[in-house]
């Protein structure tokens, strides 16, 4: 089959690789119809992880079931499904408590597994024609047949639930004011989710104009941090007050003001957003941090950053009585409910998709997405 294969920093290729097979009776093989490129894929693409050449990318996957293992009970050939990026067993202690992003079965020695991602287990990625899905009854979310809502449903694999997770981590409630840092796909979905949860005012901080324009389309208040301290800009708009809640949808590759927006070129300040969250939230508020932070970063700006040790204004965090919650999204906690909102017409997350291109165009799509050019903000690959 054809698949997107990592070759080295800033290089992927579409190559022929072996077809996946049923390795256990509870597996299914899915024929991929949509697989998204994620900002997290760029960490590997840019050489910022320990990913080795040969890994097949792709953790945001949906398609049609092609083959079914003998132990699978609730699925059949032809079913349309979308898979959480978390590979999970459904029966370990963490899965039973709903923490499927931290499954202890699928990636021995580590809490958490994912498709096509470094250190997240032996699971191949879905930027390919076919995908092996383990524990399929648990990991496949059934969808209505046909092709309706394709781009909306594709986002159920990761960014829509992850954005909603950010709003949950920050405990966003009706009538509140929120600042979302980062207007990439997850940040836009976080802002959208805050609106769904009834937030009254949503500030969205970034410096890529296309992203800020997208935030405006959904009713967000755009804040361009190249034009001044975003915390002060928000407070100036609010008569000197901060906000009730804030969300970090940026992570450890946060950019300095005025630097390039491209991931491989920008001047990084990995702790800047975390401290801006602490500054902008009013006393007794809460911070949600779904943005990715890592324990090791070969491209870190200094020795501390290379080991994930960042300087925080913890004294201010304590003095203000702020709550903080973080961690990757447990997609299964949200995806069925968000699917039903899409079907009911209550949510249409597909507006964030900028490009849908053939799998054969993946090499070019990675270059453009990484450099933030030609409007590439969220890309779906179709085999």
Protein backbone atom coordinates (compact mmCIF):
# COMPACT_ATOMS: atom_id res chain seq x y z
CA UNK A 1 0.00 0.00 0.00
CA UNK A 2 1.02 3.65 -0.33
CA UNK A 3 1.86 5.50 2.88
CA UNK A 4 3.55 8.67 4.16
CA UNK A 5 6.96 7.58 5.43
CA UNK A 6 9.32 9.69 7.55
CA UNK A 7 12.75 9.94 5.94
CA UNK A 8 14.50 12.45 8.19
CA UNK A 9 14.15 16.07 9.38
CA UNK A 10 11.89 18.04 7.00
CA UNK A 11 11.51 15.07 4.66
CA UNK A 12 8.64 12.65 4.11
CA UNK A 13 7.85 10.54 1.06
CA UNK A 14 4.88 8.59 -0.21
CA UNK A 15 6.19 5.04 -0.60
CA UNK A 16 4.95 1.48 -0.93
CA UNK A 17 4.99 -0.37 2.39
CA UNK A 18 3.55 -3.76 3.43
CA UNK A 19 -0.21 -3.91 3.91
CA UNK A 20 -1.30 -4.22 7.55
CA UNK A 21 -2.70 -7.59 8.64
CA UNK A 22 -4.93 -8.90 11.41
CA UNK A 23 -2.53 -9.73 14.25
CA UNK A 24 -5.16 -10.58 16.85
CA UNK A 25 -8.78 -11.77 16.67
CA UNK A 26 -9.97 -8.42 18.04
CA UNK A 27 -8.32 -6.42 15.21
CA UNK A 28 -9.94 -4.88 12.16
CA UNK A 29 -8.38 -3.50 9.01
CA UNK A 30 -9.75 -0.11 7.95
CA UNK A 31 -9.57 1.24 4.41
CA UNK A 32 -8.73 4.88 5.03
CA UNK A 33 -10.95 7.55 3.48
CA UNK A 34 -9.55 10.55 5.42
CA UNK A 35 -6.40 11.06 7.48
CA UNK A 36 -5.39 14.47 8.81
CA UNK A 37 -1.98 16.05 9.15
CA UNK A 38 -1.64 17.24 12.74
CA UNK A 39 0.58 19.89 14.27
CA UNK A 40 1.98 17.10 16.42
CA UNK A 41 3.18 15.37 13.25
CA UNK A 42 5.32 18.44 12.62
CA UNK A 43 7.31 17.78 15.79
CA UNK A 44 8.52 14.54 14.19
CA UNK A 45 8.75 16.05 10.71
CA UNK A 46 11.05 18.82 11.99
CA UNK A 47 13.32 16.33 13.77
CA UNK A 48 12.25 17.49 17.23
CA UNK A 49 11.69 13.94 18.52
CA UNK A 50 13.49 10.60 18.57
CA UNK A 51 11.49 9.38 15.55
CA UNK A 52 13.56 7.16 13.29
CA UNK A 53 13.29 7.05 9.50
CA UNK A 54 10.71 4.54 8.32
CA UNK A 55 7.83 5.39 10.65
CA UNK A 56 4.45 5.75 8.89
CA UNK A 57 2.75 8.93 10.05
CA UNK A 58 -0.93 9.50 10.81
CA UNK A 59 -2.93 9.40 14.04
CA UNK A 60 -6.15 11.14 12.86
CA UNK A 61 -7.86 8.42 10.87
CA UNK A 62 -11.27 7.39 9.57
CA UNK A 63 -12.54 5.02 6.91
CA UNK A 64 -14.44 1.84 6.07
CA UNK A 65 -13.86 -1.53 7.70
CA UNK A 66 -12.25 -3.86 5.18
CA UNK A 67 -11.56 -6.95 7.29
CA UNK A 68 -12.79 -8.11 10.71
CA UNK A 69 -11.11 -10.37 13.27
CA UNK A 70 -12.99 -13.37 14.60
CA UNK A 71 -13.38 -11.91 18.12
CA UNK A 72 -14.87 -8.58 17.00
CA UNK A 73 -18.51 -8.42 18.07
CA UNK A 74 -19.99 -5.01 17.23
CA UNK A 75 -18.45 -4.19 13.84
CA UNK A 76 -18.74 -5.60 10.34
CA UNK A 77 -17.16 -5.18 6.92
CA UNK A 78 -18.31 -1.92 5.32
CA UNK A 79 -18.93 -0.02 8.57
CA UNK A 80 -17.81 3.60 8.51
CA UNK A 81 -15.70 4.41 11.56
CA UNK A 82 -13.35 7.00 13.03
CA UNK A 83 -10.62 6.07 15.51
CA UNK A 84 -9.39 8.12 18.47
CA UNK A 85 -5.71 8.89 18.11
CA UNK A 86 -5.33 7.14 21.48
CA UNK A 87 -4.88 3.41 21.03
CA UNK A 88 -6.47 1.88 24.13
CA UNK A 89 -7.43 -1.54 25.45
CA UNK A 90 -10.62 -0.67 27.32
CA UNK A 91 -9.89 -2.87 30.34
CA UNK A 92 -6.79 -1.57 32.15
CA UNK A 93 -7.20 0.54 35.29
CA UNK A 94 -6.83 3.83 33.43
CA UNK A 95 -9.18 2.88 30.59
CA UNK A 96 -11.83 1.73 33.06
CA UNK A 97 -11.70 5.16 34.69
CA UNK A 98 -12.02 6.93 31.34
CA UNK A 99 -8.34 7.86 30.93
CA UNK A 100 -7.93 6.17 27.57
CA UNK A 101 -5.06 8.49 26.65
CA UNK A 102 -3.04 6.77 29.35
CA UNK A 103 -3.72 3.10 28.60
CA UNK A 104 -1.17 0.82 30.28
CA UNK A 105 -1.70 -2.16 27.96
CA UNK A 106 -0.98 -1.02 24.41
CA UNK A 107 2.51 0.43 24.92
CA UNK A 108 4.32 -1.58 27.65
CA UNK A 109 6.34 0.55 30.02
CA UNK A 110 4.50 3.76 29.12
CA UNK A 111 1.02 5.09 29.86
CA UNK A 112 -0.45 5.88 26.47
CA UNK A 113 -0.37 4.73 22.86
CA UNK A 114 -1.11 6.25 19.46
CA UNK A 115 -1.03 5.45 15.76
CA UNK A 116 2.04 6.50 13.81
CA UNK A 117 3.79 8.41 16.57
CA UNK A 118 7.23 8.06 18.10
CA UNK A 119 7.42 6.27 21.48
CA UNK A 120 3.68 5.60 21.42
CA UNK A 121 3.81 1.89 20.70
CA UNK A 122 4.12 -0.38 17.66
CA UNK A 123 1.02 0.96 15.89
CA UNK A 124 1.38 2.03 12.28
CA UNK A 125 -0.03 5.34 11.11
CA UNK A 126 -3.04 5.96 8.92
CA UNK A 127 -1.64 8.41 6.39
CA UNK A 128 -1.87 5.37 4.18
CA UNK A 129 -4.37 3.28 2.30
CA UNK A 130 -5.07 0.86 5.17
CA UNK A 131 -4.73 0.73 8.96
CA UNK A 132 -4.67 -2.04 11.56
CA UNK A 133 -6.91 -1.16 14.52
CA UNK A 134 -6.48 -3.24 17.70
CA UNK A 135 -9.20 -3.72 20.34
CA UNK A 136 -11.49 -2.63 17.55
CA UNK A 137 -14.82 -2.85 19.38
CA UNK A 138 -13.44 -0.31 21.84
CA UNK A 139 -11.40 1.89 19.49
CA UNK A 140 -13.75 2.30 16.51
CA UNK A 141 -16.51 4.89 16.75
CA UNK A 142 -19.34 3.97 14.35
CA UNK A 143 -20.56 6.66 11.97
CA UNK A 144 -23.61 6.94 9.71
CA UNK A 145 -23.01 5.31 6.31
CA UNK A 146 -22.28 7.38 3.24
CA UNK A 147 -20.00 10.36 2.80
CA UNK A 148 -21.90 13.12 4.62
CA UNK A 149 -19.95 15.08 7.27
CA UNK A 150 -16.64 13.56 6.10
CA UNK A 151 -14.44 16.49 7.14
CA UNK A 152 -16.42 17.04 10.36
CA UNK A 153 -16.16 13.39 11.39
CA UNK A 154 -12.45 13.22 10.51
CA UNK A 155 -11.79 15.80 13.22
CA UNK A 156 -13.27 13.47 15.85
CA UNK A 157 -10.01 11.52 15.82
CA UNK A 158 -8.14 14.29 17.58
CA UNK A 159 -8.54 18.03 17.25
CA UNK A 160 -12.24 18.50 18.01
CA UNK A 161 -12.12 16.33 21.16
CA UNK A 162 -8.72 17.81 22.09
CA UNK A 163 -10.05 21.36 21.75
CA UNK A 164 -13.07 20.41 23.83
CA UNK A 165 -10.71 18.76 26.33
CA UNK A 166 -8.92 22.09 26.70
CA UNK A 167 -12.22 23.74 27.61
CA UNK A 168 -12.93 20.96 30.11
CA UNK A 169 -9.45 21.23 31.66
CA UNK A 170 -10.06 24.96 32.15
CA UNK A 171 -13.57 24.25 33.46
CA UNK A 172 -15.10 26.78 31.07
CA UNK A 173 -18.66 27.56 32.11
CA UNK A 174 -21.53 29.64 30.70
CA UNK A 175 -21.02 33.39 30.81
CA UNK A 176 -17.29 33.27 31.46
CA UNK A 177 -14.44 35.07 29.70
CA UNK A 178 -11.68 32.92 28.21
CA UNK A 179 -8.31 33.50 26.53
CA UNK A 180 -7.17 30.80 24.11
CA UNK A 181 -3.49 31.00 23.22
CA UNK A 182 -2.80 29.51 19.80
CA UNK A 183 -5.15 29.67 16.80
CA UNK A 184 -3.96 26.56 15.06
CA UNK A 185 -6.51 23.79 14.54
CA UNK A 186 -6.59 22.75 18.22
CA UNK A 187 -6.77 26.35 19.40
CA UNK A 188 -9.62 27.11 17.01
CA UNK A 189 -11.42 23.98 18.21
CA UNK A 190 -10.80 25.04 21.82
CA UNK A 191 -12.33 28.45 21.13
CA UNK A 192 -15.22 26.78 19.29
CA UNK A 193 -15.73 24.43 22.23
CA UNK A 194 -15.73 27.34 24.68
CA UNK A 195 -18.54 28.85 22.60
CA UNK A 196 -20.41 25.54 22.69
CA UNK A 197 -20.04 25.53 26.49
CA UNK A 198 -21.50 29.05 26.71
CA UNK A 199 -18.50 31.33 27.22
CA UNK A 200 -19.47 34.97 26.85
CA UNK A 201 -16.13 36.37 25.66
CA UNK A 202 -13.39 34.41 23.88
CA UNK A 203 -10.03 36.00 23.11
CA UNK A 204 -7.81 34.11 20.66
CA UNK A 205 -4.07 34.86 20.63
CA UNK A 206 -1.80 34.17 17.65
CA UNK A 207 0.24 36.03 15.01
CA UNK A 208 -0.71 34.22 11.80
CA UNK A 209 -3.33 36.40 10.11
CA UNK A 210 -5.23 33.53 8.45
CA UNK A 211 -5.63 31.91 11.86
CA UNK A 212 -6.80 35.12 13.50
CA UNK A 213 -9.29 35.61 10.67
CA UNK A 214 -10.63 32.11 11.31
CA UNK A 215 -11.02 32.94 15.01
CA UNK A 216 -13.01 36.04 14.07
CA UNK A 217 -15.34 33.96 11.89
CA UNK A 218 -16.46 31.94 14.91
CA UNK A 219 -16.97 35.02 17.07
CA UNK A 220 -13.59 35.08 18.79
CA UNK A 221 -11.77 38.33 19.56
CA UNK A 222 -8.40 38.15 17.74
CA UNK A 223 -5.27 39.24 19.59
CA UNK A 224 -2.06 39.52 17.53
CA UNK A 225 0.91 39.12 19.86
CA UNK A 226 3.26 40.66 17.29
CA UNK A 227 1.47 43.95 17.99
CA UNK A 228 2.13 43.98 21.72
CA UNK A 229 1.96 41.98 24.93
CA UNK A 230 -1.21 39.85 24.53
CA UNK A 231 -1.92 39.94 28.26
CA UNK A 232 -1.93 43.74 28.26
CA UNK A 233 -4.01 43.84 25.06
CA UNK A 234 -6.66 41.67 26.71
CA UNK A 235 -6.63 43.65 29.94
CA UNK A 236 -6.89 46.93 28.06
CA UNK A 237 -10.05 45.64 26.38
CA UNK A 238 -11.47 44.60 29.75
CA UNK A 239 -10.84 47.77 31.75
CA UNK A 240 -7.76 46.36 33.44
CA UNK A 241 -9.29 43.01 34.35
CA UNK A 242 -8.00 39.64 33.24
CA UNK A 243 -10.17 36.68 32.21
CA UNK A 244 -11.85 33.89 34.12
CA UNK A 245 -10.13 31.00 32.32
CA UNK A 246 -7.32 30.44 29.81
CA UNK A 247 -6.20 27.63 27.51
CA UNK A 248 -2.73 26.88 26.14
CA UNK A 249 -3.13 25.30 22.70
CA UNK A 250 0.45 26.12 21.68
CA UNK A 251 2.83 23.94 23.67
CA UNK A 252 6.61 23.89 23.88
CA UNK A 253 7.25 25.42 20.43
CA UNK A 254 5.83 28.81 21.40
CA UNK A 255 7.20 31.69 19.32
CA UNK A 256 8.68 35.01 20.35
CA UNK A 257 6.87 38.14 19.15
CA UNK A 258 7.94 39.21 15.69
CA UNK A 259 9.55 35.90 14.75
CA UNK A 260 8.60 33.68 11.84
CA UNK A 261 5.37 31.72 12.12
CA UNK A 262 7.02 28.67 10.53
CA UNK A 263 7.79 25.87 12.94
CA UNK A 264 11.30 25.26 11.66
CA UNK A 265 12.29 28.94 11.55
CA UNK A 266 10.66 30.74 14.46
CA UNK A 267 12.48 32.04 17.53
CA UNK A 268 11.20 29.90 20.38
CA UNK A 269 10.43 30.82 23.99
CA UNK A 270 9.01 27.53 25.32
CA UNK A 271 7.67 28.93 28.62
CA UNK A 272 6.18 32.18 27.33
CA UNK A 273 2.58 31.01 26.92
CA UNK A 274 2.47 29.24 30.28
CA UNK A 275 3.52 32.41 32.06
CA UNK A 276 1.13 34.53 30.00
CA UNK A 277 -1.71 32.26 31.12
CA UNK A 278 -0.71 32.81 34.74
CA UNK A 279 -0.61 36.58 34.13
CA UNK A 280 -3.93 36.91 32.29
CA UNK A 281 -6.22 34.80 34.49
CA UNK A 282 -7.96 36.46 37.40
CA UNK A 283 -7.45 35.14 40.94
CA UNK A 284 -9.23 31.81 41.60
CA UNK A 285 -9.45 31.10 37.86
CA UNK A 286 -8.24 28.03 35.99
CA UNK A 287 -5.77 27.09 33.27
CA UNK A 288 -6.27 24.28 30.77
CA UNK A 289 -3.15 23.08 28.98
CA UNK A 290 -3.78 20.62 26.13
CA UNK A 291 -0.78 22.04 24.23
CA UNK A 292 2.03 19.52 23.87
CA UNK A 293 4.99 19.59 26.25
CA UNK A 294 7.68 16.90 26.17
CA UNK A 295 10.25 15.52 28.65
CA UNK A 296 12.98 15.55 25.99
CA UNK A 297 13.42 17.97 23.09
CA UNK A 298 16.55 17.56 20.95
CA UNK A 299 15.92 20.99 19.42
CA UNK A 300 15.40 22.80 22.70
CA UNK A 301 16.67 26.36 23.00
CA UNK A 302 18.85 25.55 26.03
CA UNK A 303 19.82 22.62 28.24
CA UNK A 304 16.77 23.01 30.45
CA UNK A 305 14.40 23.08 27.47
CA UNK A 306 16.08 20.00 26.04
CA UNK A 307 14.95 18.07 29.13
CA UNK A 308 11.54 19.70 29.36
CA UNK A 309 12.41 21.81 32.42
CA UNK A 310 10.74 25.20 31.99
CA UNK A 311 10.78 28.23 34.30
CA UNK A 312 7.30 29.14 35.59
CA UNK A 313 6.02 32.01 37.71
CA UNK A 314 4.80 29.50 40.26
CA UNK A 315 4.70 32.04 43.06
CA UNK A 316 2.13 34.07 41.14
CA UNK A 317 0.19 30.90 40.29
CA UNK A 318 0.00 30.11 44.01
CA UNK A 319 -0.71 33.66 45.14
CA UNK A 320 -3.65 33.95 42.72
CA UNK A 321 -5.08 30.59 43.78
CA UNK A 322 -5.15 29.33 40.21
CA UNK A 323 -6.03 25.76 39.24
CA UNK A 324 -4.06 24.04 36.51
CA UNK A 325 -4.89 20.91 34.53
CA UNK A 326 -3.04 19.34 31.64
CA UNK A 327 -2.44 16.12 29.70
CA UNK A 328 -3.37 14.69 26.34
CA UNK A 329 -7.01 14.19 25.48
CA UNK A 330 -8.90 11.03 26.38
CA UNK A 331 -10.77 11.10 23.08
CA UNK A 332 -13.33 8.42 23.93
CA UNK A 333 -14.60 10.56 26.79
CA UNK A 334 -15.98 13.02 24.24
CA UNK A 335 -16.10 11.63 20.70
CA UNK A 336 -19.53 9.94 20.71
CA UNK A 337 -21.17 13.07 22.14
CA UNK A 338 -19.41 15.34 19.66
CA UNK A 339 -20.37 12.99 16.82
CA UNK A 340 -24.00 13.27 17.82
CA UNK A 341 -23.74 17.07 17.92
CA UNK A 342 -22.42 16.99 14.35
CA UNK A 343 -25.26 14.73 13.20
CA UNK A 344 -27.80 17.00 14.91
CA UNK A 345 -26.35 20.08 13.23
CA UNK A 346 -25.23 21.56 16.55
CA UNK A 347 -21.52 21.47 15.66
CA UNK A 348 -19.71 21.84 12.34
CA UNK A 349 -15.99 21.63 13.12
CA UNK A 350 -15.06 21.01 9.48
CA UNK A 351 -14.89 24.78 8.91
CA UNK A 352 -11.29 24.61 10.19
CA UNK A 353 -10.16 22.37 7.30
CA UNK A 354 -8.28 24.48 4.76
CA UNK A 355 -7.22 21.81 2.25
CA UNK A 356 -8.24 18.29 1.26
CA UNK A 357 -5.61 16.75 -1.00
CA UNK A 358 -4.62 13.36 -2.34
CA UNK A 359 -2.27 11.17 -0.32
CA UNK A 360 0.15 11.49 -3.25
CA UNK A 361 0.41 15.23 -2.50
CA UNK A 362 1.48 14.65 1.12
CA UNK A 363 5.10 15.70 0.62
CA UNK A 364 4.08 19.12 -0.68
CA UNK A 365 1.35 19.43 1.97
CA UNK A 366 3.85 18.87 4.79
CA UNK A 367 6.14 21.60 3.44
CA UNK A 368 3.30 24.11 3.15
CA UNK A 369 1.72 23.22 6.49
CA UNK A 370 5.06 23.48 8.30
CA UNK A 371 5.83 26.85 6.72
CA UNK A 372 2.27 28.14 7.26
CA UNK A 373 1.99 29.20 3.62
CA UNK A 374 -0.75 29.17 0.96
CA UNK A 375 -3.38 29.12 3.72
CA UNK A 376 -2.44 25.64 4.91
CA UNK A 377 -3.97 25.51 8.39
CA UNK A 378 -5.57 22.04 8.53
CA UNK A 379 -5.04 19.37 5.89
CA UNK A 380 -6.91 16.14 5.18
CA UNK A 381 -5.23 13.48 3.04
CA UNK A 382 -7.41 11.14 0.97
CA UNK A 383 -5.84 7.92 -0.39
